[in-house]
Amino acid sequence: MTTLKEKLFSLTTDEEVFNYVKEFLLEQGEKSYSTKYGCAYRGEDNRKCAIGCLILDEFYDEEFEGGLPNNIQSSKGYLIRDALKKSLPNWQMNFDILSDIQSIHDSYEADSWHYEFSRHSEKYHWFTLTQ
């Protein structure tokens, strides 16, 4: 059986990362939410957000909460990017993809996620998403 670390290390393309997050969130079926932070990288009942599911537990820090990886002037942003690079060493980080997947998680209810992932896959001209 493939470990989470092996799975994340195997992701190399934007489409693979996108599809991994899509499958993860659709299976989870609920937002990652914390009463302390709102939408959270690590939420109640061990839920993870779209970016949080890409960060291995060994690299997660509660300090990430409230931060965004694309905020290059923020120490939180740096910490999150560093954790993503360590968790996904074979993927060239793409802030557009990260922004889109996080927006789907944060801005839409879970029952709209499948549609939103399909809509965003068309934006990138990916037509082979798993259903």
Protein backbone atom coordinates (compact mmCIF):
# COMPACT_ATOMS: atom_id res chain seq x y z
CA MET A 1 0.00 0.00 0.00
CA THR A 2 1.28 3.45 -0.93
CA THR A 3 1.92 5.83 1.95
CA LEU A 4 0.74 9.43 1.87
CA LYS A 5 4.35 10.56 1.62
CA GLU A 6 4.95 8.30 -1.39
CA LYS A 7 1.75 9.55 -3.02
CA LEU A 8 2.63 13.23 -2.55
CA PHE A 9 6.22 12.65 -3.68
CA SER A 10 4.86 11.04 -6.88
CA LEU A 11 2.91 14.15 -7.91
CA THR A 12 4.83 16.04 -10.58
CA THR A 13 2.34 18.02 -12.69
CA ASP A 14 -0.26 20.68 -12.00
CA GLU A 15 -2.97 18.34 -13.24
CA GLU A 16 -1.86 15.54 -10.89
CA VAL A 17 -1.89 17.92 -7.92
CA PHE A 18 -5.28 19.32 -8.94
CA ASN A 19 -6.79 15.84 -9.32
CA TYR A 20 -5.30 14.66 -6.03
CA VAL A 21 -6.92 17.59 -4.20
CA LYS A 22 -10.20 17.07 -6.04
CA GLU A 23 -10.36 13.41 -5.05
CA PHE A 24 -9.32 14.19 -1.47
CA LEU A 25 -11.93 16.90 -0.94
CA LEU A 26 -14.75 15.00 -2.65
CA GLU A 27 -14.04 12.00 -0.44
CA GLN A 28 -13.79 14.18 2.70
CA GLY A 29 -17.10 15.79 1.73
CA GLU A 30 -16.86 18.71 4.16
CA LYS A 31 -14.87 21.89 4.59
CA SER A 32 -11.96 21.97 6.96
CA TYR A 33 -13.15 24.38 9.61
CA SER A 34 -11.93 25.47 13.01
CA THR A 35 -13.88 27.60 15.47
CA LYS A 36 -10.61 29.41 16.18
CA TYR A 37 -9.58 30.12 12.55
CA GLY A 38 -12.59 29.56 10.28
CA CYS A 39 -11.40 27.73 7.16
CA ALA A 40 -8.28 25.91 8.30
CA TYR A 41 -5.36 23.92 6.92
CA ARG A 42 -6.13 21.46 9.72
CA GLY A 43 -9.67 21.62 11.02
CA GLU A 44 -11.97 19.81 13.37
CA ASP A 45 -12.38 16.03 13.02
CA ASN A 46 -8.99 15.79 11.25
CA ARG A 47 -10.28 17.56 8.15
CA LYS A 48 -7.87 19.29 5.80
CA CYS A 49 -8.38 22.10 3.34
CA ALA A 50 -7.31 22.04 -0.31
CA ILE A 51 -3.78 23.15 0.49
CA GLY A 52 -3.64 21.43 3.87
CA CYS A 53 -4.11 18.03 2.24
CA LEU A 54 -0.90 18.68 0.30
CA ILE A 55 1.15 19.24 3.45
CA LEU A 56 2.47 16.20 5.29
CA ASP A 57 1.77 16.20 9.03
CA GLU A 58 5.51 16.26 9.77
CA PHE A 59 5.75 19.67 8.04
CA TYR A 60 2.49 21.22 9.30
CA ASP A 61 2.59 23.94 11.95
CA GLU A 62 -0.39 25.66 13.54
CA GLU A 63 1.39 28.91 12.69
CA PHE A 64 0.17 28.39 9.08
CA GLU A 65 -3.42 29.14 10.05
CA GLY A 66 -4.58 32.47 8.67
CA GLY A 67 -1.72 32.58 6.14
CA LEU A 68 -1.63 32.15 2.38
CA PRO A 69 1.21 30.54 0.42
CA ASN A 70 1.10 33.18 -2.30
CA ASN A 71 1.72 36.03 0.17
CA ILE A 72 5.43 36.38 -0.53
CA GLN A 73 5.94 39.19 2.00
CA SER A 74 4.56 37.20 4.91
CA SER A 75 6.53 34.90 7.21
CA LYS A 76 3.46 32.63 7.30
CA GLY A 77 3.46 32.52 3.51
CA TYR A 78 7.12 31.51 3.54
CA LEU A 79 6.49 28.75 6.11
CA ILE A 80 3.57 27.37 4.09
CA ARG A 81 5.55 27.42 0.84
CA ASP A 82 8.44 25.66 2.57
CA ALA A 83 6.10 22.94 3.88
CA LEU A 84 4.58 22.51 0.42
CA LYS A 85 8.04 22.21 -1.17
CA LYS A 86 9.04 19.56 1.37
CA SER A 87 5.76 17.66 0.96
CA LEU A 88 5.72 17.91 -2.86
CA PRO A 89 9.41 17.92 -3.81
CA ASN A 90 8.80 16.83 -7.40
CA TRP A 91 6.21 19.49 -8.27
CA GLN A 92 7.07 23.00 -9.43
CA MET A 93 4.75 25.08 -7.23
CA ASN A 94 2.07 26.93 -9.21
CA PHE A 95 0.33 29.71 -7.29
CA ASP A 96 -2.57 29.84 -9.77
CA ILE A 97 -3.40 26.20 -9.06
CA LEU A 98 -3.03 26.70 -5.30
CA SER A 99 -5.27 29.77 -5.42
CA ASP A 100 -7.92 27.98 -7.47
CA ILE A 101 -8.09 24.85 -5.32
CA GLN A 102 -8.18 26.91 -2.12
CA SER A 103 -10.93 29.10 -3.56
CA ILE A 104 -13.03 26.03 -4.35
CA HIS A 105 -12.68 24.82 -0.76
CA ASP A 106 -13.20 28.18 0.92
CA SER A 107 -15.81 29.80 -1.34
CA TYR A 108 -18.20 26.97 -2.19
CA GLU A 109 -20.20 24.44 -0.26
CA ALA A 110 -19.12 20.82 -0.58
CA ASP A 111 -22.11 19.91 -2.76
CA SER A 112 -20.78 22.35 -5.41
CA TRP A 113 -17.19 21.12 -5.39
CA HIS A 114 -17.51 18.57 -8.19
CA TYR A 115 -18.95 21.22 -10.51
CA GLU A 116 -16.31 23.78 -9.51
CA PHE A 117 -13.44 21.35 -10.03
CA SER A 118 -14.84 20.47 -13.47
CA ARG A 119 -15.20 24.15 -14.34
CA HIS A 120 -11.62 24.88 -13.28
CA SER A 121 -10.28 21.84 -15.13
CA GLU A 122 -11.77 23.28 -18.33
CA LYS A 123 -9.98 26.57 -17.59
CA TYR A 124 -6.69 24.65 -17.74
CA HIS A 125 -7.84 22.54 -20.71
CA TRP A 126 -7.77 19.30 -18.73
CA PHE A 127 -10.49 17.02 -19.95
CA THR A 128 -9.38 13.73 -18.39
CA LEU A 129 -10.42 14.33 -14.78
CA THR A 130 -11.68 11.27 -12.97
CA GLN A 131 -15.34 11.41 -12.08
